[in-house]
Amino acid sequence: GKLYVKRFDPKVLADEMNAVYLKCFDDNSF
């Protein structure tokens, strides 16, 4: 269980969310 919850580490989640944010600007239109 302790090994499994590493996938929910804040740094990992922050990187994933930041990638979502950047997808919003993929077309550079704004």
PDB file of all heavy atoms in Angstrom:
ATOM      1  N   GLY A   1       0.815  -1.210   0.000  1.00  0.00           N
ATOM      2  CA  GLY A   1       0.000   0.000   0.000  1.00  0.00           C
ATOM      3  C   GLY A   1       0.845   1.254   0.000  1.00  0.00           C
ATOM      4  O   GLY A   1       0.555   2.229  -0.711  1.00  0.00           O
ATOM      5  N   LYS A   2       1.909   1.251   0.783  1.00  0.00           N
ATOM      6  CA  LYS A   2       2.791   2.421   0.839  1.00  0.00           C
ATOM      7  C   LYS A   2       3.514   2.635  -0.490  1.00  0.00           C
ATOM      8  O   LYS A   2       3.786   3.776  -0.889  1.00  0.00           O
ATOM      9  CB  LYS A   2       3.787   2.264   1.976  1.00  0.00           C
ATOM     10  CG  LYS A   2       3.158   2.446   3.359  1.00  0.00           C
ATOM     11  CD  LYS A   2       4.198   2.418   4.465  1.00  0.00           C
ATOM     12  CE  LYS A   2       3.570   2.729   5.808  1.00  0.00           C
ATOM     13  NZ  LYS A   2       4.558   2.731   6.916  1.00  0.00           N
ATOM     14  N   LEU A   3       3.820   1.543  -1.172  1.00  0.00           N
ATOM     15  CA  LEU A   3       4.424   1.669  -2.501  1.00  0.00           C
ATOM     16  C   LEU A   3       3.407   2.206  -3.506  1.00  0.00           C
ATOM     17  O   LEU A   3       3.735   3.060  -4.343  1.00  0.00           O
ATOM     18  CB  LEU A   3       4.949   0.310  -2.971  1.00  0.00           C
ATOM     19  CG  LEU A   3       6.193  -0.230  -2.271  1.00  0.00           C
ATOM     20  CD1 LEU A   3       6.512  -1.636  -2.772  1.00  0.00           C
ATOM     21  CD2 LEU A   3       7.394   0.683  -2.515  1.00  0.00           C
ATOM     22  N   TYR A   4       2.185   1.715  -3.404  1.00  0.00           N
ATOM     23  CA  TYR A   4       1.154   2.096  -4.369  1.00  0.00           C
ATOM     24  C   TYR A   4       0.821   3.593  -4.296  1.00  0.00           C
ATOM     25  O   TYR A   4       0.618   4.234  -5.333  1.00  0.00           O
ATOM     26  CB  TYR A   4      -0.111   1.272  -4.133  1.00  0.00           C
ATOM     27  CG  TYR A   4      -1.196   1.521  -5.155  1.00  0.00           C
ATOM     28  CD1 TYR A   4      -1.117   0.961  -6.426  1.00  0.00           C
ATOM     29  CD2 TYR A   4      -2.292   2.329  -4.857  1.00  0.00           C
ATOM     30  CE1 TYR A   4      -2.104   1.187  -7.377  1.00  0.00           C
ATOM     31  CE2 TYR A   4      -3.282   2.564  -5.806  1.00  0.00           C
ATOM     32  CZ  TYR A   4      -3.180   1.993  -7.054  1.00  0.00           C
ATOM     33  OH  TYR A   4      -4.146   2.238  -7.992  1.00  0.00           O
ATOM     34  N   VAL A   5       0.770   4.153  -3.091  1.00  0.00           N
ATOM     35  CA  VAL A   5       0.347   5.555  -2.970  1.00  0.00           C
ATOM     36  C   VAL A   5       1.393   6.535  -3.479  1.00  0.00           C
ATOM     37  O   VAL A   5       1.113   7.736  -3.582  1.00  0.00           O
ATOM     38  CB  VAL A   5      -0.043   5.923  -1.513  1.00  0.00           C
ATOM     39  CG1 VAL A   5      -1.284   5.193  -1.087  1.00  0.00           C
ATOM     40  CG2 VAL A   5       1.101   5.669  -0.548  1.00  0.00           C
ATOM     41  N   LYS A   6       2.564   6.044  -3.842  1.00  0.00           N
ATOM     42  CA  LYS A   6       3.566   6.954  -4.406  1.00  0.00           C
ATOM     43  C   LYS A   6       3.085   7.565  -5.711  1.00  0.00           C
ATOM     44  O   LYS A   6       3.536   8.645  -6.100  1.00  0.00           O
ATOM     45  CB  LYS A   6       4.888   6.208  -4.612  1.00  0.00           C
ATOM     46  CG  LYS A   6       5.621   5.880  -3.319  1.00  0.00           C
ATOM     47  CD  LYS A   6       6.958   5.209  -3.590  1.00  0.00           C
ATOM     48  CE  LYS A   6       7.690   4.920  -2.288  1.00  0.00           C
ATOM     49  NZ  LYS A   6       8.999   4.257  -2.526  1.00  0.00           N
ATOM     50  N   ARG A   7       2.183   6.864  -6.407  1.00  0.00           N
ATOM     51  CA  ARG A   7       1.659   7.414  -7.660  1.00  0.00           C
ATOM     52  C   ARG A   7       0.778   8.634  -7.408  1.00  0.00           C
ATOM     53  O   ARG A   7       0.428   9.352  -8.340  1.00  0.00           O
ATOM     54  CB  ARG A   7       0.880   6.354  -8.421  1.00  0.00           C
ATOM     55  CG  ARG A   7      -0.440   5.936  -7.795  1.00  0.00           C
ATOM     56  CD  ARG A   7      -1.036   4.749  -8.518  1.00  0.00           C
ATOM     57  NE  ARG A   7      -0.099   3.635  -8.506  1.00  0.00           N
ATOM     58  CZ  ARG A   7      -0.104   2.636  -9.391  1.00  0.00           C
ATOM     59  NH1 ARG A   7      -1.004   2.617 -10.357  1.00  0.00           N
ATOM     60  NH2 ARG A   7       0.764   1.661  -9.310  1.00  0.00           N
ATOM     61  N   PHE A   8       0.385   8.856  -6.149  1.00  0.00           N
ATOM     62  CA  PHE A   8      -0.421  10.022  -5.794  1.00  0.00           C
ATOM     63  C   PHE A   8       0.428  11.109  -5.129  1.00  0.00           C
ATOM     64  O   PHE A   8      -0.090  11.996  -4.460  1.00  0.00           O
ATOM     65  CB  PHE A   8      -1.558   9.608  -4.862  1.00  0.00           C
ATOM     66  CG  PHE A   8      -2.379   8.464  -5.392  1.00  0.00           C
ATOM     67  CD1 PHE A   8      -2.425   7.252  -4.725  1.00  0.00           C
ATOM     68  CD2 PHE A   8      -3.089   8.585  -6.576  1.00  0.00           C
ATOM     69  CE1 PHE A   8      -3.167   6.191  -5.211  1.00  0.00           C
ATOM     70  CE2 PHE A   8      -3.829   7.530  -7.076  1.00  0.00           C
ATOM     71  CZ  PHE A   8      -3.875   6.323  -6.398  1.00  0.00           C
ATOM     72  N   ASP A   9       1.735  11.025  -5.332  1.00  0.00           N
ATOM     73  CA  ASP A   9       2.654  12.028  -4.790  1.00  0.00           C
ATOM     74  C   ASP A   9       2.327  13.399  -5.380  1.00  0.00           C
ATOM     75  O   ASP A   9       2.069  13.516  -6.585  1.00  0.00           O
ATOM     76  CB  ASP A   9       4.097  11.647  -5.138  1.00  0.00           C
ATOM     77  CG  ASP A   9       5.097  12.657  -4.628  1.00  0.00           C
ATOM     78  OD1 ASP A   9       5.434  12.600  -3.442  1.00  0.00           O
ATOM     79  OD2 ASP A   9       5.532  13.517  -5.431  1.00  0.00           O
ATOM     80  N   PRO A  10       2.313  14.450  -4.555  1.00  0.00           N
ATOM     81  CA  PRO A  10       1.940  15.777  -5.059  1.00  0.00           C
ATOM     82  C   PRO A  10       2.757  16.247  -6.255  1.00  0.00           C
ATOM     83  O   PRO A  10       2.219  16.861  -7.175  1.00  0.00           O
ATOM     84  CB  PRO A  10       2.170  16.679  -3.839  1.00  0.00           C
ATOM     85  CG  PRO A  10       1.962  15.777  -2.666  1.00  0.00           C
ATOM     86  CD  PRO A  10       2.505  14.447  -3.101  1.00  0.00           C
ATOM     87  N   LYS A  11       4.058  15.954  -6.276  1.00  0.00           N
ATOM     88  CA  LYS A  11       4.896  16.388  -7.404  1.00  0.00           C
ATOM     89  C   LYS A  11       4.444  15.715  -8.696  1.00  0.00           C
ATOM     90  O   LYS A  11       4.351  16.355  -9.756  1.00  0.00           O
ATOM     91  CB  LYS A  11       6.363  16.041  -7.117  1.00  0.00           C
ATOM     92  CG  LYS A  11       7.316  16.338  -8.269  1.00  0.00           C
ATOM     93  CD  LYS A  11       7.391  17.836  -8.566  1.00  0.00           C
ATOM     94  CE  LYS A  11       8.557  18.192  -9.474  1.00  0.00           C
ATOM     95  NZ  LYS A  11       8.462  17.606 -10.825  1.00  0.00           N
ATOM     96  N   VAL A  12       4.119  14.434  -8.632  1.00  0.00           N
ATOM     97  CA  VAL A  12       3.633  13.714  -9.811  1.00  0.00           C
ATOM     98  C   VAL A  12       2.326  14.322 -10.301  1.00  0.00           C
ATOM     99  O   VAL A  12       2.147  14.574 -11.504  1.00  0.00           O
ATOM    100  CB  VAL A  12       3.433  12.216  -9.482  1.00  0.00           C
ATOM    101  CG1 VAL A  12       2.758  11.498 -10.645  1.00  0.00           C
ATOM    102  CG2 VAL A  12       4.765  11.560  -9.141  1.00  0.00           C
ATOM    103  N   LEU A  13       1.409  14.580  -9.371  1.00  0.00           N
ATOM    104  CA  LEU A  13       0.105  15.132  -9.741  1.00  0.00           C
ATOM    105  C   LEU A  13       0.234  16.546 -10.281  1.00  0.00           C
ATOM    106  O   LEU A  13      -0.492  16.933 -11.204  1.00  0.00           O
ATOM    107  CB  LEU A  13      -0.835  15.094  -8.542  1.00  0.00           C
ATOM    108  CG  LEU A  13      -1.070  13.701  -7.929  1.00  0.00           C
ATOM    109  CD1 LEU A  13      -2.056  13.781  -6.774  1.00  0.00           C
ATOM    110  CD2 LEU A  13      -1.567  12.722  -8.979  1.00  0.00           C
ATOM    111  N   ALA A  14       1.150  17.335  -9.713  1.00  0.00           N
ATOM    112  CA  ALA A  14       1.367  18.702 -10.206  1.00  0.00           C
ATOM    113  C   ALA A  14       1.872  18.693 -11.650  1.00  0.00           C
ATOM    114  O   ALA A  14       1.423  19.483 -12.486  1.00  0.00           O
ATOM    115  CB  ALA A  14       2.351  19.440  -9.307  1.00  0.00           C
ATOM    116  N   ASP A  15       2.799  17.784 -11.950  1.00  0.00           N
ATOM    117  CA  ASP A  15       3.313  17.681 -13.313  1.00  0.00           C
ATOM    118  C   ASP A  15       2.209  17.278 -14.285  1.00  0.00           C
ATOM    119  O   ASP A  15       2.128  17.794 -15.405  1.00  0.00           O
ATOM    120  CB  ASP A  15       4.452  16.656 -13.363  1.00  0.00           C
ATOM    121  CG  ASP A  15       5.715  17.156 -12.678  1.00  0.00           C
ATOM    122  OD1 ASP A  15       5.818  18.366 -12.448  1.00  0.00           O
ATOM    123  OD2 ASP A  15       6.591  16.323 -12.369  1.00  0.00           O
ATOM    124  N   GLU A  16       1.349  16.348 -13.848  1.00  0.00           N
ATOM    125  CA  GLU A  16       0.250  15.903 -14.711  1.00  0.00           C
ATOM    126  C   GLU A  16      -0.753  17.027 -14.948  1.00  0.00           C
ATOM    127  O   GLU A  16      -1.244  17.206 -16.071  1.00  0.00           O
ATOM    128  CB  GLU A  16      -0.440  14.692 -14.078  1.00  0.00           C
ATOM    129  CG  GLU A  16       0.435  13.441 -14.066  1.00  0.00           C
ATOM    130  CD  GLU A  16      -0.229  12.268 -13.372  1.00  0.00           C
ATOM    131  OE1 GLU A  16      -1.333  12.446 -12.800  1.00  0.00           O
ATOM    132  OE2 GLU A  16       0.351  11.158 -13.395  1.00  0.00           O
ATOM    133  N   MET A  17      -1.058  17.789 -13.897  1.00  0.00           N
ATOM    134  CA  MET A  17      -2.010  18.886 -14.068  1.00  0.00           C
ATOM    135  C   MET A  17      -1.414  19.995 -14.927  1.00  0.00           C
ATOM    136  O   MET A  17      -2.113  20.597 -15.759  1.00  0.00           O
ATOM    137  CB  MET A  17      -2.428  19.438 -12.703  1.00  0.00           C
ATOM    138  CG  MET A  17      -3.573  20.441 -12.773  1.00  0.00           C
ATOM    139  SD  MET A  17      -5.122  19.707 -13.382  1.00  0.00           S
ATOM    140  CE  MET A  17      -5.674  18.856 -11.889  1.00  0.00           C
ATOM    141  N   ASN A  18      -0.142  20.274 -14.747  1.00  0.00           N
ATOM    142  CA  ASN A  18       0.497  21.304 -15.564  1.00  0.00           C
ATOM    143  C   ASN A  18       0.478  20.910 -17.043  1.00  0.00           C
ATOM    144  O   ASN A  18       0.293  21.761 -17.920  1.00  0.00           O
ATOM    145  CB  ASN A  18       1.941  21.521 -15.100  1.00  0.00           C
ATOM    146  CG  ASN A  18       2.538  22.807 -15.646  1.00  0.00           C
ATOM    147  OD1 ASN A  18       1.996  23.889 -15.466  1.00  0.00           O
ATOM    148  ND2 ASN A  18       3.656  22.684 -16.335  1.00  0.00           N
ATOM    149  N   ALA A  19       0.629  19.613 -17.310  1.00  0.00           N
ATOM    150  CA  ALA A  19       0.547  19.141 -18.692  1.00  0.00           C
ATOM    151  C   ALA A  19      -0.841  19.375 -19.275  1.00  0.00           C
ATOM    152  O   ALA A  19      -0.989  19.711 -20.456  1.00  0.00           O
ATOM    153  CB  ALA A  19       0.904  17.650 -18.754  1.00  0.00           C
ATOM    154  N   VAL A  20      -1.874  19.221 -18.436  1.00  0.00           N
ATOM    155  CA  VAL A  20      -3.240  19.509 -18.880  1.00  0.00           C
ATOM    156  C   VAL A  20      -3.374  20.983 -19.235  1.00  0.00           C
ATOM    157  O   VAL A  20      -3.949  21.348 -20.276  1.00  0.00           O
ATOM    158  CB  VAL A  20      -4.264  19.135 -17.790  1.00  0.00           C
ATOM    159  CG1 VAL A  20      -5.670  19.566 -18.205  1.00  0.00           C
ATOM    160  CG2 VAL A  20      -4.239  17.630 -17.524  1.00  0.00           C
ATOM    161  N   TYR A  21      -2.838  21.853 -18.379  1.00  0.00           N
ATOM    162  CA  TYR A  21      -2.909  23.288 -18.636  1.00  0.00           C
ATOM    163  C   TYR A  21      -2.259  23.637 -19.974  1.00  0.00           C
ATOM    164  O   TYR A  21      -2.802  24.421 -20.768  1.00  0.00           O
ATOM    165  CB  TYR A  21      -2.216  24.062 -17.513  1.00  0.00           C
ATOM    166  CG  TYR A  21      -2.904  23.997 -16.168  1.00  0.00           C
ATOM    167  CD1 TYR A  21      -2.241  24.381 -15.007  1.00  0.00           C
ATOM    168  CD2 TYR A  21      -4.220  23.560 -16.033  1.00  0.00           C
ATOM    169  CE1 TYR A  21      -2.858  24.346 -13.768  1.00  0.00           C
ATOM    170  CE2 TYR A  21      -4.850  23.511 -14.797  1.00  0.00           C
ATOM    171  CZ  TYR A  21      -4.165  23.904 -13.663  1.00  0.00           C
ATOM    172  OH  TYR A  21      -4.782  23.864 -12.430  1.00  0.00           O
ATOM    173  N   LEU A  22      -1.099  23.052 -20.218  1.00  0.00           N
ATOM    174  CA  LEU A  22      -0.386  23.372 -21.452  1.00  0.00           C
ATOM    175  C   LEU A  22      -1.129  22.880 -22.683  1.00  0.00           C
ATOM    176  O   LEU A  22      -1.031  23.490 -23.754  1.00  0.00           O
ATOM    177  CB  LEU A  22       1.025  22.775 -21.390  1.00  0.00           C
ATOM    178  CG  LEU A  22       1.952  23.375 -20.326  1.00  0.00           C
ATOM    179  CD1 LEU A  22       3.307  22.687 -20.343  1.00  0.00           C
ATOM    180  CD2 LEU A  22       2.111  24.879 -20.524  1.00  0.00           C
ATOM    181  N   LYS A  23      -1.871  21.788 -22.557  1.00  0.00           N
ATOM    182  CA  LYS A  23      -2.663  21.287 -23.690  1.00  0.00           C
ATOM    183  C   LYS A  23      -3.686  22.326 -24.158  1.00  0.00           C
ATOM    184  O   LYS A  23      -4.070  22.340 -25.330  1.00  0.00           O
ATOM    185  CB  LYS A  23      -3.398  20.003 -23.304  1.00  0.00           C
ATOM    186  CG  LYS A  23      -2.540  18.759 -23.250  1.00  0.00           C
ATOM    187  CD  LYS A  23      -3.402  17.543 -22.924  1.00  0.00           C
ATOM    188  CE  LYS A  23      -2.571  16.284 -22.808  1.00  0.00           C
ATOM    189  NZ  LYS A  23      -3.404  15.102 -22.484  1.00  0.00           N
ATOM    190  N   CYS A  24      -4.131  23.169 -23.231  1.00  0.00           N
ATOM    191  CA  CYS A  24      -5.125  24.187 -23.588  1.00  0.00           C
ATOM    192  C   CYS A  24      -4.577  25.201 -24.579  1.00  0.00           C
ATOM    193  O   CYS A  24      -5.338  25.926 -25.214  1.00  0.00           O
ATOM    194  CB  CYS A  24      -5.608  24.917 -22.330  1.00  0.00           C
ATOM    195  SG  CYS A  24      -6.526  23.882 -21.171  1.00  0.00           S
ATOM    196  N   PHE A  25      -3.256  25.252 -24.686  1.00  0.00           N
ATOM    197  CA  PHE A  25      -2.626  26.244 -25.560  1.00  0.00           C
ATOM    198  C   PHE A  25      -1.870  25.577 -26.707  1.00  0.00           C
ATOM    199  O   PHE A  25      -1.035  26.200 -27.342  1.00  0.00           O
ATOM    200  CB  PHE A  25      -1.656  27.116 -24.749  1.00  0.00           C
ATOM    201  CG  PHE A  25      -2.313  27.890 -23.646  1.00  0.00           C
ATOM    202  CD1 PHE A  25      -2.355  27.368 -22.357  1.00  0.00           C
ATOM    203  CD2 PHE A  25      -2.916  29.110 -23.883  1.00  0.00           C
ATOM    204  CE1 PHE A  25      -2.973  28.074 -21.325  1.00  0.00           C
ATOM    205  CE2 PHE A  25      -3.535  29.820 -22.860  1.00  0.00           C
ATOM    206  CZ  PHE A  25      -3.566  29.302 -21.578  1.00  0.00           C
ATOM    207  N   ASP A  26      -2.185  24.331 -26.970  1.00  0.00           N
ATOM    208  CA  ASP A  26      -1.457  23.589 -27.996  1.00  0.00           C
ATOM    209  C   ASP A  26      -1.505  24.264 -29.360  1.00  0.00           C
ATOM    210  O   ASP A  26      -0.555  24.214 -30.129  1.00  0.00           O
ATOM    211  CB  ASP A  26      -2.013  22.162 -28.125  1.00  0.00           C
ATOM    212  CG  ASP A  26      -1.388  21.229 -27.104  1.00  0.00           C
ATOM    213  OD1 ASP A  26      -0.436  21.654 -26.432  1.00  0.00           O
ATOM    214  OD2 ASP A  26      -1.869  20.081 -26.980  1.00  0.00           O
ATOM    215  N   ASP A  27      -2.649  24.913 -29.672  1.00  0.00           N
ATOM    216  CA  ASP A  27      -2.768  25.537 -30.998  1.00  0.00           C
ATOM    217  C   ASP A  27      -2.201  26.947 -31.040  1.00  0.00           C
ATOM    218  O   ASP A  27      -2.188  27.595 -32.081  1.00  0.00           O
ATOM    219  CB  ASP A  27      -4.224  25.556 -31.457  1.00  0.00           C
ATOM    220  CG  ASP A  27      -5.122  26.370 -30.522  1.00  0.00           C
ATOM    221  OD1 ASP A  27      -4.591  26.972 -29.566  1.00  0.00           O
ATOM    222  OD2 ASP A  27      -6.343  26.383 -30.754  1.00  0.00           O
ATOM    223  N   ASN A  28      -1.727  27.444 -29.859  1.00  0.00           N
ATOM    224  CA  ASN A  28      -1.112  28.770 -29.747  1.00  0.00           C
ATOM    225  C   ASN A  28      -2.039  29.909 -30.153  1.00  0.00           C
ATOM    226  O   ASN A  28      -1.602  31.024 -30.391  1.00  0.00           O
ATOM    227  CB  ASN A  28       0.169  28.859 -30.605  1.00  0.00           C
ATOM    228  CG  ASN A  28       1.240  27.905 -30.113  1.00  0.00           C
ATOM    229  OD1 ASN A  28       1.478  27.812 -28.914  1.00  0.00           O
ATOM    230  ND2 ASN A  28       1.876  27.199 -31.025  1.00  0.00           N
ATOM    231  N   SER A  29      -3.338  29.610 -30.243  1.00  0.00           N
ATOM    232  CA  SER A  29      -4.252  30.621 -30.761  1.00  0.00           C
ATOM    233  C   SER A  29      -4.532  31.740 -29.772  1.00  0.00           C
ATOM    234  O   SER A  29      -5.020  32.784 -30.158  1.00  0.00           O
ATOM    235  CB  SER A  29      -5.567  29.963 -31.178  1.00  0.00           C
ATOM    236  OG  SER A  29      -6.181  29.333 -30.076  1.00  0.00           O
ATOM    237  N   PHE A  30      -4.208  31.525 -28.507  1.00  0.00           N
ATOM    238  CA  PHE A  30      -4.504  32.564 -27.535  1.00  0.00           C
ATOM    239  C   PHE A  30      -3.277  32.886 -26.689  1.00  0.00           C
ATOM    240  O   PHE A  30      -3.387  33.304 -25.551  1.00  0.00           O
ATOM    241  CB  PHE A  30      -5.658  32.128 -26.620  1.00  0.00           C
ATOM    242  CG  PHE A  30      -6.982  32.181 -27.316  1.00  0.00           C
ATOM    243  CD1 PHE A  30      -7.433  31.107 -28.048  1.00  0.00           C
ATOM    244  CD2 PHE A  30      -7.756  33.322 -27.272  1.00  0.00           C
ATOM    245  CE1 PHE A  30      -8.644  31.162 -28.699  1.00  0.00           C
ATOM    246  CE2 PHE A  30      -8.980  33.372 -27.916  1.00  0.00           C
ATOM    247  CZ  PHE A  30      -9.415  32.285 -28.642  1.00  0.00           C
TER     248      PHE A  30
END
